[in-house]
PDB file of N, CA and C in Angstrom:
ATOM      1  N   UNK A   1     -52.335 -56.639 -21.197  1.00  0.00           N
ATOM      2  CA  UNK A   1     -53.768 -56.894 -22.225  1.00  0.00           C
ATOM      3  C   UNK A   1     -53.473 -57.918 -23.014  1.00  0.00           C
ATOM      4  N   UNK A   2     -54.279 -58.350 -23.593  1.00  0.00           N
ATOM      5  CA  UNK A   2     -54.883 -59.658 -24.110  1.00  0.00           C
ATOM      6  C   UNK A   2     -54.543 -58.828 -25.599  1.00  0.00           C
ATOM      7  N   UNK A   3     -54.184 -60.380 -26.512  1.00  0.00           N
ATOM      8  CA  UNK A   3     -54.635 -59.900 -28.228  1.00  0.00           C
ATOM      9  C   UNK A   3     -55.121 -61.219 -28.612  1.00  0.00           C
ATOM     10  N   UNK A   4     -56.056 -60.951 -29.480  1.00  0.00           N
ATOM     11  CA  UNK A   4     -56.775 -62.208 -29.970  1.00  0.00           C
ATOM     12  C   UNK A   4     -57.232 -62.098 -31.575  1.00  0.00           C
ATOM     13  N   UNK A   5     -57.547 -62.644 -32.413  1.00  0.00           N
ATOM     14  CA  UNK A   5     -57.829 -62.594 -33.661  1.00  0.00           C
ATOM     15  C   UNK A   5     -59.466 -62.423 -34.035  1.00  0.00           C
ATOM     16  N   UNK A   6     -59.870 -61.499 -34.733  1.00  0.00           N
ATOM     17  CA  UNK A   6     -61.045 -61.151 -35.309  1.00  0.00           C
ATOM     18  C   UNK A   6     -61.237 -61.935 -36.748  1.00  0.00           C
ATOM     19  N   UNK A   7     -61.946 -63.085 -36.608  1.00  0.00           N
ATOM     20  CA  UNK A   7     -62.482 -63.638 -38.233  1.00  0.00           C
ATOM     21  C   UNK A   7     -63.518 -63.077 -38.921  1.00  0.00           C
ATOM     22  N   UNK A   8     -63.116 -62.827 -39.942  1.00  0.00           N
ATOM     23  CA  UNK A   8     -64.205 -62.160 -40.847  1.00  0.00           C
ATOM     24  C   UNK A   8     -64.115 -62.956 -42.382  1.00  0.00           C
ATOM     25  N   UNK A   9     -65.593 -62.884 -42.765  1.00  0.00           N
ATOM     26  CA  UNK A   9     -65.415 -63.609 -44.147  1.00  0.00           C
ATOM     27  C   UNK A   9     -65.264 -62.613 -45.270  1.00  0.00           C
ATOM     28  N   UNK A  10     -65.171 -62.653 -46.439  1.00  0.00           N
ATOM     29  CA  UNK A  10     -64.598 -61.107 -47.829  1.00  0.00           C
ATOM     30  C   UNK A  10     -65.418 -60.886 -47.403  1.00  0.00           C
ATOM     31  N   UNK A  11     -66.833 -60.506 -47.274  1.00  0.00           N
ATOM     32  CA  UNK A  11     -67.446 -59.150 -46.917  1.00  0.00           C
ATOM     33  C   UNK A  11     -67.289 -58.576 -45.921  1.00  0.00           C
ATOM     34  N   UNK A  12     -66.535 -58.676 -44.931  1.00  0.00           N
ATOM     35  CA  UNK A  12     -65.869 -58.061 -43.406  1.00  0.00           C
ATOM     36  C   UNK A  12     -66.946 -58.574 -42.661  1.00  0.00           C
ATOM     37  N   UNK A  13     -67.690 -59.582 -42.585  1.00  0.00           N
ATOM     38  CA  UNK A  13     -68.830 -59.931 -41.468  1.00  0.00           C
ATOM     39  C   UNK A  13     -67.918 -60.829 -40.732  1.00  0.00           C
ATOM     40  N   UNK A  14     -68.258 -60.572 -39.179  1.00  0.00           N
ATOM     41  CA  UNK A  14     -67.551 -61.682 -38.577  1.00  0.00           C
ATOM     42  C   UNK A  14     -68.023 -63.085 -38.317  1.00  0.00           C
ATOM     43  N   UNK A  15     -67.259 -63.742 -38.336  1.00  0.00           N
ATOM     44  CA  UNK A  15     -67.582 -65.439 -38.305  1.00  0.00           C
ATOM     45  C   UNK A  15     -66.539 -66.225 -37.012  1.00  0.00           C
ATOM     46  N   UNK A  16     -67.220 -67.371 -37.022  1.00  0.00           N
ATOM     47  CA  UNK A  16     -66.780 -68.268 -35.724  1.00  0.00           C
ATOM     48  C   UNK A  16     -65.523 -68.272 -36.238  1.00  0.00           C
ATOM     49  N   UNK A  17     -64.228 -68.487 -35.137  1.00  0.00           N
ATOM     50  CA  UNK A  17     -63.131 -68.566 -35.445  1.00  0.00           C
ATOM     51  C   UNK A  17     -63.079 -69.320 -33.521  1.00  0.00           C
ATOM     52  N   UNK A  18     -61.683 -70.063 -33.738  1.00  0.00           N
ATOM     53  CA  UNK A  18     -61.063 -70.544 -32.340  1.00  0.00           C
ATOM     54  C   UNK A  18     -60.857 -69.122 -31.393  1.00  0.00           C
ATOM     55  N   UNK A  19     -61.313 -68.883 -30.240  1.00  0.00           N
ATOM     56  CA  UNK A  19     -61.389 -67.774 -29.321  1.00  0.00           C
ATOM     57  C   UNK A  19     -60.408 -68.310 -28.234  1.00  0.00           C
ATOM     58  N   UNK A  20     -59.127 -67.646 -28.735  1.00  0.00           N
ATOM     59  CA  UNK A  20     -57.804 -67.880 -28.079  1.00  0.00           C
ATOM     60  C   UNK A  20     -57.372 -66.416 -28.203  1.00  0.00           C
ATOM     61  N   UNK A  21     -56.807 -66.284 -26.793  1.00  0.00           N
ATOM     62  CA  UNK A  21     -56.317 -64.764 -26.300  1.00  0.00           C
ATOM     63  C   UNK A  21     -54.445 -65.401 -25.847  1.00  0.00           C
ATOM     64  N   UNK A  22     -53.867 -64.308 -26.228  1.00  0.00           N
ATOM     65  CA  UNK A  22     -52.915 -64.757 -26.169  1.00  0.00           C
ATOM     66  C   UNK A  22     -51.676 -63.078 -25.115  1.00  0.00           C
ATOM     67  N   UNK A  23     -51.004 -63.634 -24.941  1.00  0.00           N
ATOM     68  CA  UNK A  23     -50.163 -62.847 -23.840  1.00  0.00           C
ATOM     69  C   UNK A  23     -49.391 -61.347 -24.695  1.00  0.00           C
ATOM     70  N   UNK A  24     -48.977 -61.823 -26.065  1.00  0.00           N
ATOM     71  CA  UNK A  24     -48.181 -60.401 -26.304  1.00  0.00           C
ATOM     72  C   UNK A  24     -48.247 -60.688 -27.872  1.00  0.00           C
ATOM     73  N   UNK A  25     -48.238 -59.808 -28.599  1.00  0.00           N
ATOM     74  CA  UNK A  25     -48.352 -59.673 -30.016  1.00  0.00           C
ATOM     75  C   UNK A  25     -47.571 -60.578 -30.868  1.00  0.00           C
ATOM     76  N   UNK A  26     -46.782 -60.969 -30.328  1.00  0.00           N
ATOM     77  CA  UNK A  26     -45.591 -62.269 -31.354  1.00  0.00           C
ATOM     78  C   UNK A  26     -45.987 -63.387 -31.035  1.00  0.00           C
ATOM     79  N   UNK A  27     -46.642 -63.704 -29.764  1.00  0.00           N
ATOM     80  CA  UNK A  27     -47.604 -65.175 -29.769  1.00  0.00           C
ATOM     81  C   UNK A  27     -48.459 -65.214 -30.515  1.00  0.00           C
ATOM     82  N   UNK A  28     -49.348 -64.132 -30.976  1.00  0.00           N
ATOM     83  CA  UNK A  28     -50.486 -64.495 -31.398  1.00  0.00           C
ATOM     84  C   UNK A  28     -50.160 -64.570 -32.909  1.00  0.00           C
ATOM     85  N   UNK A  29     -49.160 -63.891 -33.580  1.00  0.00           N
ATOM     86  CA  UNK A  29     -48.610 -63.784 -34.820  1.00  0.00           C
ATOM     87  C   UNK A  29     -47.931 -64.957 -35.388  1.00  0.00           C
ATOM     88  N   UNK A  30     -47.247 -66.322 -34.115  1.00  0.00           N
ATOM     89  CA  UNK A  30     -46.861 -67.218 -34.026  1.00  0.00           C
ATOM     90  C   UNK A  30     -47.900 -68.436 -34.607  1.00  0.00           C
ATOM     91  N   UNK A  31     -49.043 -68.337 -33.822  1.00  0.00           N
ATOM     92  CA  UNK A  31     -50.123 -68.894 -33.541  1.00  0.00           C
ATOM     93  C   UNK A  31     -50.979 -68.837 -34.809  1.00  0.00           C
ATOM     94  N   UNK A  32     -50.922 -67.701 -35.380  1.00  0.00           N
ATOM     95  CA  UNK A  32     -51.643 -67.245 -36.801  1.00  0.00           C
ATOM     96  C   UNK A  32     -50.471 -68.266 -37.604  1.00  0.00           C
ATOM     97  N   UNK A  33     -49.539 -67.933 -37.750  1.00  0.00           N
ATOM     98  CA  UNK A  33     -48.771 -68.335 -39.030  1.00  0.00           C
ATOM     99  C   UNK A  33     -48.664 -69.657 -38.913  1.00  0.00           C
ATOM    100  N   UNK A  34     -48.737 -70.580 -37.968  1.00  0.00           N
ATOM    101  CA  UNK A  34     -48.849 -71.635 -38.043  1.00  0.00           C
ATOM    102  C   UNK A  34     -50.391 -72.408 -38.530  1.00  0.00           C
ATOM    103  N   UNK A  35     -51.403 -71.470 -38.175  1.00  0.00           N
ATOM    104  CA  UNK A  35     -52.289 -72.379 -38.506  1.00  0.00           C
ATOM    105  C   UNK A  35     -53.391 -71.811 -39.331  1.00  0.00           C
ATOM    106  N   UNK A  36     -52.820 -70.573 -40.193  1.00  0.00           N
ATOM    107  CA  UNK A  36     -53.610 -69.668 -41.064  1.00  0.00           C
ATOM    108  C   UNK A  36     -54.411 -70.723 -42.300  1.00  0.00           C
ATOM    109  N   UNK A  37     -53.484 -71.748 -42.352  1.00  0.00           N
ATOM    110  CA  UNK A  37     -54.436 -72.296 -43.343  1.00  0.00           C
ATOM    111  C   UNK A  37     -55.587 -73.118 -43.293  1.00  0.00           C
ATOM    112  N   UNK A  38     -55.794 -73.378 -42.093  1.00  0.00           N
ATOM    113  CA  UNK A  38     -56.794 -74.226 -41.269  1.00  0.00           C
ATOM    114  C   UNK A  38     -57.908 -73.749 -40.979  1.00  0.00           C
ATOM    115  N   UNK A  39     -57.599 -71.931 -40.681  1.00  0.00           N
ATOM    116  CA  UNK A  39     -58.408 -71.271 -40.609  1.00  0.00           C
ATOM    117  C   UNK A  39     -59.486 -70.720 -41.911  1.00  0.00           C
ATOM    118  N   UNK A  40     -58.404 -70.735 -42.993  1.00  0.00           N
ATOM    119  CA  UNK A  40     -58.946 -70.654 -44.432  1.00  0.00           C
ATOM    120  C   UNK A  40     -59.874 -71.848 -44.875  1.00  0.00           C
ATOM    121  N   UNK A  41     -59.792 -72.779 -44.617  1.00  0.00           N
ATOM    122  CA  UNK A  41     -60.167 -74.059 -44.836  1.00  0.00           C
ATOM    123  C   UNK A  41     -61.592 -73.863 -44.196  1.00  0.00           C
ATOM    124  N   UNK A  42     -61.747 -73.537 -42.823  1.00  0.00           N
ATOM    125  CA  UNK A  42     -62.550 -73.310 -42.086  1.00  0.00           C
ATOM    126  C   UNK A  42     -63.558 -72.474 -42.536  1.00  0.00           C
ATOM    127  N   UNK A  43     -63.708 -71.684 -43.588  1.00  0.00           N
ATOM    128  CA  UNK A  43     -64.265 -70.489 -43.653  1.00  0.00           C
ATOM    129  C   UNK A  43     -64.220 -68.929 -43.491  1.00  0.00           C
ATOM    130  N   UNK A  44     -62.845 -68.864 -43.170  1.00  0.00           N
ATOM    131  CA  UNK A  44     -62.273 -67.603 -42.457  1.00  0.00           C
ATOM    132  C   UNK A  44     -61.583 -66.889 -44.021  1.00  0.00           C
ATOM    133  N   UNK A  45     -61.851 -65.601 -44.001  1.00  0.00           N
ATOM    134  CA  UNK A  45     -61.250 -65.066 -45.170  1.00  0.00           C
ATOM    135  C   UNK A  45     -60.241 -64.058 -45.213  1.00  0.00           C
ATOM    136  N   UNK A  46     -60.328 -63.339 -43.842  1.00  0.00           N
ATOM    137  CA  UNK A  46     -59.399 -62.054 -43.684  1.00  0.00           C
ATOM    138  C   UNK A  46     -59.747 -62.210 -42.114  1.00  0.00           C
ATOM    139  N   UNK A  47     -58.735 -61.816 -41.312  1.00  0.00           N
ATOM    140  CA  UNK A  47     -58.341 -61.594 -39.719  1.00  0.00           C
ATOM    141  C   UNK A  47     -58.183 -60.108 -39.557  1.00  0.00           C
ATOM    142  N   UNK A  48     -58.366 -59.834 -38.055  1.00  0.00           N
ATOM    143  CA  UNK A  48     -57.853 -58.789 -38.124  1.00  0.00           C
ATOM    144  C   UNK A  48     -57.127 -58.850 -36.368  1.00  0.00           C
ATOM    145  N   UNK A  49     -56.039 -58.377 -36.227  1.00  0.00           N
ATOM    146  CA  UNK A  49     -55.159 -58.604 -34.401  1.00  0.00           C
ATOM    147  C   UNK A  49     -55.908 -57.688 -33.776  1.00  0.00           C
ATOM    148  N   UNK A  50     -56.252 -57.899 -32.477  1.00  0.00           N
ATOM    149  CA  UNK A  50     -56.847 -57.250 -31.632  1.00  0.00           C
ATOM    150  C   UNK A  50     -55.673 -57.064 -30.804  1.00  0.00           C
ATOM    151  N   UNK A  51     -55.758 -55.813 -30.304  1.00  0.00           N
ATOM    152  CA  UNK A  51     -55.344 -55.678 -28.635  1.00  0.00           C
ATOM    153  C   UNK A  51     -56.455 -55.301 -27.555  1.00  0.00           C
ATOM    154  N   UNK A  52     -57.103 -55.900 -26.603  1.00  0.00           N
ATOM    155  CA  UNK A  52     -58.148 -55.821 -25.991  1.00  0.00           C
ATOM    156  C   UNK A  52     -59.472 -55.527 -27.437  1.00  0.00           C
ATOM    157  N   UNK A  53     -59.613 -54.300 -27.382  1.00  0.00           N
ATOM    158  CA  UNK A  53     -60.564 -54.144 -28.388  1.00  0.00           C
ATOM    159  C   UNK A  53     -60.231 -53.223 -29.524  1.00  0.00           C
ATOM    160  N   UNK A  54     -58.748 -52.753 -28.945  1.00  0.00           N
ATOM    161  CA  UNK A  54     -58.174 -51.953 -30.335  1.00  0.00           C
ATOM    162  C   UNK A  54     -57.755 -52.681 -31.399  1.00  0.00           C
ATOM    163  N   UNK A  55     -57.781 -52.365 -32.801  1.00  0.00           N
ATOM    164  CA  UNK A  55     -57.260 -53.185 -33.730  1.00  0.00           C
ATOM    165  C   UNK A  55     -55.980 -52.508 -33.606  1.00  0.00           C
ATOM    166  N   UNK A  56     -54.982 -54.054 -33.778  1.00  0.00           N
ATOM    167  CA  UNK A  56     -53.452 -53.574 -34.017  1.00  0.00           C
ATOM    168  C   UNK A  56     -53.105 -53.640 -35.336  1.00  0.00           C
ATOM    169  N   UNK A  57     -53.652 -54.259 -36.356  1.00  0.00           N
ATOM    170  CA  UNK A  57     -53.745 -54.292 -37.719  1.00  0.00           C
ATOM    171  C   UNK A  57     -54.754 -54.994 -38.306  1.00  0.00           C
ATOM    172  N   UNK A  58     -55.104 -54.788 -39.594  1.00  0.00           N
ATOM    173  CA  UNK A  58     -55.882 -55.943 -40.585  1.00  0.00           C
ATOM    174  C   UNK A  58     -57.270 -54.928 -41.122  1.00  0.00           C
ATOM    175  N   UNK A  59     -58.340 -55.259 -41.650  1.00  0.00           N
ATOM    176  CA  UNK A  59     -58.359 -56.686 -41.937  1.00  0.00           C
ATOM    177  C   UNK A  59     -56.941 -56.972 -42.972  1.00  0.00           C
ATOM    178  N   UNK A  60     -56.648 -58.436 -42.662  1.00  0.00           N
ATOM    179  CA  UNK A  60     -55.551 -59.181 -43.421  1.00  0.00           C
ATOM    180  C   UNK A  60     -56.221 -60.101 -44.619  1.00  0.00           C
ATOM    181  N   UNK A  61     -55.977 -60.311 -45.494  1.00  0.00           N
ATOM    182  CA  UNK A  61     -56.546 -61.491 -46.633  1.00  0.00           C
ATOM    183  C   UNK A  61     -55.804 -62.762 -46.237  1.00  0.00           C
ATOM    184  N   UNK A  62     -56.447 -64.116 -45.853  1.00  0.00           N
ATOM    185  CA  UNK A  62     -55.715 -65.318 -45.649  1.00  0.00           C
ATOM    186  C   UNK A  62     -55.256 -65.711 -46.969  1.00  0.00           C
ATOM    187  N   UNK A  63     -55.996 -65.032 -48.390  1.00  0.00           N
ATOM    188  CA  UNK A  63     -55.344 -65.606 -49.832  1.00  0.00           C
ATOM    189  C   UNK A  63     -54.080 -65.114 -50.133  1.00  0.00           C
ATOM    190  N   UNK A  64     -53.364 -65.963 -50.869  1.00  0.00           N
ATOM    191  CA  UNK A  64     -52.199 -65.798 -50.947  1.00  0.00           C
ATOM    192  C   UNK A  64     -52.280 -64.189 -52.369  1.00  0.00           C
ATOM    193  N   UNK A  65     -51.471 -63.415 -52.269  1.00  0.00           N
ATOM    194  CA  UNK A  65     -51.445 -62.248 -52.755  1.00  0.00           C
ATOM    195  C   UNK A  65     -51.426 -62.664 -54.446  1.00  0.00           C
ATOM    196  N   UNK A  66     -52.010 -62.092 -55.431  1.00  0.00           N
ATOM    197  CA  UNK A  66     -51.828 -62.403 -56.481  1.00  0.00           C
ATOM    198  C   UNK A  66     -50.436 -62.018 -57.721  1.00  0.00           C
TER     199      UNK A  66
END
C-alpha cells in the first residue's frame, strides 16, 4: 500500500500539490513535517493523508491553532 497527501483549499476543494508517494505512514509524515510551510505558501490550506484511496486522517489545517 502506498501513502500520499490530498491537498485542499479552505473550502475543501482539491488543489494541485506535489504528486509524491510514500512507502509508509512515517515517511509521509516526515515529508509533510519538513515541507508544510511551502505547501501553505503555494495555496494549500489543508491536507488529508491517504493510504491508497482510504483516508487515514484529515483534513488537517496547515494554519497554526489559535
